[in-house]
C-alpha atoms as a PDB file:
ATOM      1  CA  MET A   1     129.282  93.446 114.338  1.00  0.00           C
ATOM      2  CA  ARG A   2     127.498  93.877 111.052  1.00  0.00           C
ATOM      3  CA  VAL A   3     124.363  92.434 109.491  1.00  0.00           C
ATOM      4  CA  ARG A   4     124.543  91.524 105.824  1.00  0.00           C
ATOM      5  CA  LYS A   5     122.907  89.283 103.258  1.00  0.00           C
ATOM      6  CA  TYR A   6     124.016  85.695 103.652  1.00  0.00           C
ATOM      7  CA  CYS A   7     126.219  83.941 101.103  1.00  0.00           C
ATOM      8  CA  SER A   8     126.770  80.250 100.416  1.00  0.00           C
ATOM      9  CA  GLU A   9     129.938  80.196 102.505  1.00  0.00           C
ATOM     10  CA  ASP A  10     127.812  81.067 105.562  1.00  0.00           C
ATOM     11  CA  LEU A  11     125.556  78.032 105.235  1.00  0.00           C
ATOM     12  CA  PRO A  12     127.450  75.623 107.536  1.00  0.00           C
ATOM     13  CA  GLN A  13     127.444  78.110 110.434  1.00  0.00           C
ATOM     14  CA  MET A  14     123.863  79.164 109.723  1.00  0.00           C
ATOM     15  CA  THR A  15     122.743  75.541 109.663  1.00  0.00           C
ATOM     16  CA  ASP A  16     124.382  74.850 113.022  1.00  0.00           C
ATOM     17  CA  ILE A  17     122.675  77.859 114.621  1.00  0.00           C
ATOM     18  CA  TRP A  18     119.296  77.020 113.066  1.00  0.00           C
ATOM     19  CA  ASN A  19     119.476  73.344 114.060  1.00  0.00           C
ATOM     20  CA  GLU A  20     120.380  74.251 117.620  1.00  0.00           C
ATOM     21  CA  ILE A  21     117.070  76.136 117.946  1.00  0.00           C
ATOM     22  CA  VAL A  22     115.101  73.361 116.231  1.00  0.00           C
ATOM     23  CA  LEU A  23     116.604  70.695 118.500  1.00  0.00           C
ATOM     24  CA  ALA A  24     115.799  72.699 121.628  1.00  0.00           C
ATOM     25  CA  GLY A  25     112.116  72.516 120.647  1.00  0.00           C
ATOM     26  CA  GLU A  26     111.172  75.704 122.499  1.00  0.00           C
ATOM     27  CA  ALA A  27     110.805  78.435 119.875  1.00  0.00           C
ATOM     28  CA  PHE A  28     110.706  77.257 116.229  1.00  0.00           C
ATOM     29  CA  PRO A  29     107.806  75.183 114.891  1.00  0.00           C
ATOM     30  CA  GLN A  30     110.143  73.098 112.712  1.00  0.00           C
ATOM     31  CA  GLU A  31     110.932  69.603 113.962  1.00  0.00           C
ATOM     32  CA  GLU A  32     113.407  68.462 111.311  1.00  0.00           C
ATOM     33  CA  CYS A  33     116.999  69.641 111.262  1.00  0.00           C
ATOM     34  CA  LEU A  34     118.518  71.004 108.098  1.00  0.00           C
ATOM     35  CA  ASN A  35     121.337  69.281 106.258  1.00  0.00           C
ATOM     36  CA  GLU A  36     123.665  70.758 103.652  1.00  0.00           C
ATOM     37  CA  THR A  37     121.171  70.329 100.814  1.00  0.00           C
ATOM     38  CA  SER A  38     117.990  71.276 102.656  1.00  0.00           C
ATOM     39  CA  ALA A  39     119.688  74.305 104.255  1.00  0.00           C
ATOM     40  CA  ALA A  40     120.715  75.681 100.864  1.00  0.00           C
ATOM     41  CA  GLU A  41     117.162  75.195  99.587  1.00  0.00           C
ATOM     42  CA  PHE A  42     115.504  76.592 102.721  1.00  0.00           C
ATOM     43  CA  PHE A  43     117.618  79.712 103.142  1.00  0.00           C
ATOM     44  CA  GLY A  44     117.683  80.269  99.388  1.00  0.00           C
ATOM     45  CA  SER A  45     113.881  80.202  99.207  1.00  0.00           C
ATOM     46  CA  GLN A  46     113.435  83.123 101.601  1.00  0.00           C
ATOM     47  CA  THR A  47     112.692  86.637 100.385  1.00  0.00           C
ATOM     48  CA  TYR A  48     115.772  87.734 102.313  1.00  0.00           C
ATOM     49  CA  CYS A  49     118.123  86.146 104.779  1.00  0.00           C
ATOM     50  CA  GLY A  50     120.461  88.252 106.893  1.00  0.00           C
ATOM     51  CA  VAL A  51     123.351  87.177 109.084  1.00  0.00           C
ATOM     52  CA  ALA A  52     125.041  88.894 111.991  1.00  0.00           C
ATOM     53  CA  GLU A  53     128.800  88.580 111.585  1.00  0.00           C
ATOM     54  CA  SER A  54     131.577  89.408 114.009  1.00  0.00           C
ATOM     55  CA  ASP A  55     135.224  88.731 113.190  1.00  0.00           C
ATOM     56  CA  GLY A  56     134.267  86.239 110.488  1.00  0.00           C
ATOM     57  CA  GLU A  57     131.910  84.304 112.780  1.00  0.00           C
ATOM     58  CA  ILE A  58     128.174  84.105 112.139  1.00  0.00           C
ATOM     59  CA  THR A  59     126.559  84.892 115.484  1.00  0.00           C
ATOM     60  CA  GLY A  60     122.936  85.012 114.371  1.00  0.00           C
ATOM     61  CA  LEU A  61     120.592  85.091 111.422  1.00  0.00           C
ATOM     62  CA  TYR A  62     117.092  85.878 110.293  1.00  0.00           C
ATOM     63  CA  ILE A  63     114.788  84.786 107.520  1.00  0.00           C
ATOM     64  CA  LEU A  64     112.185  87.088 105.974  1.00  0.00           C
ATOM     65  CA  HIS A  65     109.289  85.959 103.783  1.00  0.00           C
ATOM     66  CA  PRO A  66     105.613  86.645 103.075  1.00  0.00           C
ATOM     67  CA  ASN A  67     103.259  85.633 105.859  1.00  0.00           C
ATOM     68  CA  ASN A  68     100.505  84.885 103.346  1.00  0.00           C
ATOM     69  CA  VAL A  69      99.694  85.170  99.638  1.00  0.00           C
ATOM     70  CA  GLY A  70      97.730  87.421  97.321  1.00  0.00           C
ATOM     71  CA  ARG A  71      95.827  90.206  99.041  1.00  0.00           C
ATOM     72  CA  CYS A  72      97.768  89.600 102.260  1.00  0.00           C
ATOM     73  CA  SER A  73     101.226  89.300 100.683  1.00  0.00           C
ATOM     74  CA  HIS A  74     102.208  92.744 101.978  1.00  0.00           C
ATOM     75  CA  ILE A  75     102.429  91.181 105.459  1.00  0.00           C
ATOM     76  CA  CYS A  76     105.736  89.483 106.135  1.00  0.00           C
ATOM     77  CA  ASN A  77     106.949  87.038 108.729  1.00  0.00           C
ATOM     78  CA  ALA A  78     110.441  86.462 110.095  1.00  0.00           C
ATOM     79  CA  SER A  79     112.358  84.104 112.341  1.00  0.00           C
ATOM     80  CA  TYR A  80     115.509  84.911 114.276  1.00  0.00           C
ATOM     81  CA  ALA A  81     118.238  82.663 115.630  1.00  0.00           C
ATOM     82  CA  VAL A  82     121.210  83.631 117.785  1.00  0.00           C
ATOM     83  CA  LYS A  83     124.075  81.274 118.520  1.00  0.00           C
ATOM     84  CA  SER A  84     123.690  80.014 122.100  1.00  0.00           C
ATOM     85  CA  GLY A  85     127.067  81.247 123.306  1.00  0.00           C
ATOM     86  CA  MET A  86     126.308  84.727 121.988  1.00  0.00           C
ATOM     87  CA  ARG A  87     122.886  85.303 123.543  1.00  0.00           C
ATOM     88  CA  GLY A  88     122.384  88.249 125.867  1.00  0.00           C
ATOM     89  CA  ARG A  89     124.564  90.544 123.737  1.00  0.00           C
ATOM     90  CA  HIS A  90     121.721  92.327 121.889  1.00  0.00           C
ATOM     91  CA  ILE A  91     122.323  90.385 118.668  1.00  0.00           C
ATOM     92  CA  GLY A  92     118.620  89.562 118.484  1.00  0.00           C
ATOM     93  CA  GLU A  93     117.763  93.248 118.739  1.00  0.00           C
ATOM     94  CA  ILE A  94     120.248  94.060 115.974  1.00  0.00           C
ATOM     95  CA  LEU A  95     118.712  91.353 113.754  1.00  0.00           C
ATOM     96  CA  VAL A  96     115.095  92.417 114.377  1.00  0.00           C
ATOM     97  CA  THR A  97     115.957  96.078 113.789  1.00  0.00           C
ATOM     98  CA  ASP A  98     117.706  95.220 110.521  1.00  0.00           C
ATOM     99  CA  CYS A  99     114.712  93.137 109.455  1.00  0.00           C
ATOM    100  CA  ILE A 100     112.312  96.024 110.170  1.00  0.00           C
ATOM    101  CA  LYS A 101     114.452  98.285 107.973  1.00  0.00           C
ATOM    102  CA  LYS A 102     114.927  95.688 105.216  1.00  0.00           C
ATOM    103  CA  ALA A 103     111.322  94.442 104.861  1.00  0.00           C
ATOM    104  CA  PRO A 104     109.903  97.583 103.136  1.00  0.00           C
ATOM    105  CA  GLU A 105     112.519  97.167 100.380  1.00  0.00           C
ATOM    106  CA  PHE A 106     110.509  94.094  99.314  1.00  0.00           C
ATOM    107  CA  GLY A 107     107.134  95.823  99.470  1.00  0.00           C
ATOM    108  CA  PHE A 108     106.177  94.594 102.919  1.00  0.00           C
ATOM    109  CA  ARG A 109     104.064  96.944 105.054  1.00  0.00           C
ATOM    110  CA  ILE A 110     103.544  94.866 108.203  1.00  0.00           C
ATOM    111  CA  LEU A 111     105.768  92.399 110.043  1.00  0.00           C
ATOM    112  CA  GLN A 112     103.789  89.728 111.878  1.00  0.00           C
ATOM    113  CA  PHE A 113     104.978  86.979 114.185  1.00  0.00           C
ATOM    114  CA  ASN A 114     102.491  84.129 114.343  1.00  0.00           C
ATOM    115  CA  ALA A 115     103.877  82.076 117.173  1.00  0.00           C
ATOM    116  CA  VAL A 116     105.896  83.794 119.900  1.00  0.00           C
ATOM    117  CA  VAL A 117     106.035  81.207 122.675  1.00  0.00           C
ATOM    118  CA  ARG A 118     104.991  82.587 126.059  1.00  0.00           C
ATOM    119  CA  SER A 119     108.120  81.273 127.797  1.00  0.00           C
ATOM    120  CA  ASN A 120     110.373  83.099 125.309  1.00  0.00           C
ATOM    121  CA  GLU A 121     110.668  86.056 127.671  1.00  0.00           C
ATOM    122  CA  PRO A 122     113.684  87.671 125.953  1.00  0.00           C
ATOM    123  CA  ALA A 123     111.740  87.830 122.666  1.00  0.00           C
ATOM    124  CA  LEU A 124     108.592  89.162 124.348  1.00  0.00           C
ATOM    125  CA  LYS A 125     110.603  91.868 126.117  1.00  0.00           C
ATOM    126  CA  LEU A 126     112.403  92.810 122.895  1.00  0.00           C
ATOM    127  CA  TYR A 127     109.247  93.036 120.799  1.00  0.00           C
ATOM    128  CA  LYS A 128     107.623  95.256 123.416  1.00  0.00           C
ATOM    129  CA  LYS A 129     110.724  97.499 123.462  1.00  0.00           C
ATOM    130  CA  LEU A 130     110.655  97.811 119.659  1.00  0.00           C
ATOM    131  CA  GLY A 131     106.972  98.783 119.563  1.00  0.00           C
ATOM    132  CA  PHE A 132     105.264  95.584 118.426  1.00  0.00           C
ATOM    133  CA  THR A 133     101.592  95.099 119.295  1.00  0.00           C
ATOM    134  CA  GLN A 134     100.441  91.853 120.897  1.00  0.00           C
ATOM    135  CA  LEU A 135      97.390  90.352 119.221  1.00  0.00           C
ATOM    136  CA  GLY A 136      96.184  88.184 122.101  1.00  0.00           C
ATOM    137  CA  THR A 137      96.961  84.654 123.194  1.00  0.00           C
ATOM    138  CA  ILE A 138      96.383  81.316 121.516  1.00  0.00           C
ATOM    139  CA  PRO A 139      96.113  78.773 124.342  1.00  0.00           C
ATOM    140  CA  GLY A 140      98.309  75.734 123.830  1.00  0.00           C
ATOM    141  CA  GLY A 141      99.309  76.882 120.352  1.00  0.00           C
ATOM    142  CA  PHE A 142     102.861  75.490 120.521  1.00  0.00           C
ATOM    143  CA  ARG A 143     103.897  71.903 121.218  1.00  0.00           C
ATOM    144  CA  LEU A 144     107.161  71.847 123.133  1.00  0.00           C
ATOM    145  CA  LYS A 145     109.765  69.139 122.608  1.00  0.00           C
ATOM    146  CA  SER A 146     108.584  67.616 125.900  1.00  0.00           C
ATOM    147  CA  GLY A 147     105.132  67.105 124.373  1.00  0.00           C
ATOM    148  CA  GLU A 148     103.528  69.728 126.599  1.00  0.00           C
ATOM    149  CA  TYR A 149     101.618  72.622 125.065  1.00  0.00           C
ATOM    150  CA  GLU A 150     102.351  76.268 125.695  1.00  0.00           C
ATOM    151  CA  ASP A 151     100.531  79.465 124.736  1.00  0.00           C
ATOM    152  CA  ILE A 152     101.661  81.575 121.812  1.00  0.00           C
ATOM    153  CA  ILE A 153     101.301  85.338 121.493  1.00  0.00           C
ATOM    154  CA  PRO A 154     101.110  86.699 117.928  1.00  0.00           C
ATOM    155  CA  HIS A 155     102.645  90.167 117.380  1.00  0.00           C
ATOM    156  CA  PHE A 156     102.802  92.747 114.604  1.00  0.00           C
ATOM    157  CA  ILE A 157     104.360  96.077 113.759  1.00  0.00           C
ATOM    158  CA  GLU A 158     103.582  98.462 110.912  1.00  0.00           C
ATOM    159  CA  LEU A 159     106.663  99.166 108.833  1.00  0.00           C
END
């Protein structure tokens, strides 16, 4: 498996993986699925977008972009998505590790996650393993697809 910059030919597979996470309503704040046009615009607007590829199949992806503007633009944010049938194979760890290495190339000094949902135990375990610091808990900060609210736990790591 390798992680590389995405290309336009990857967009259909990337869109399927992204939309799967959005439709589940348990991790991403987005509520609208991407289509061919919006996916090209969305992924193209990121500072960087990497894909995990194995035997020509996209198994996961990440987006990297500033978390804020101006005097805080050295702090980046990222989102990760792994194809459901490929989870549990350390693809997420490979993506996060690549992101940590790639972010300084764009002048980023800190990687911050604003909304790690408390029930996303694999992500919480991974971020702890990789040395991220938890910033506390925001009660009811994420609205699940069911309409219930769940806590979010922001994280950061210095790059």
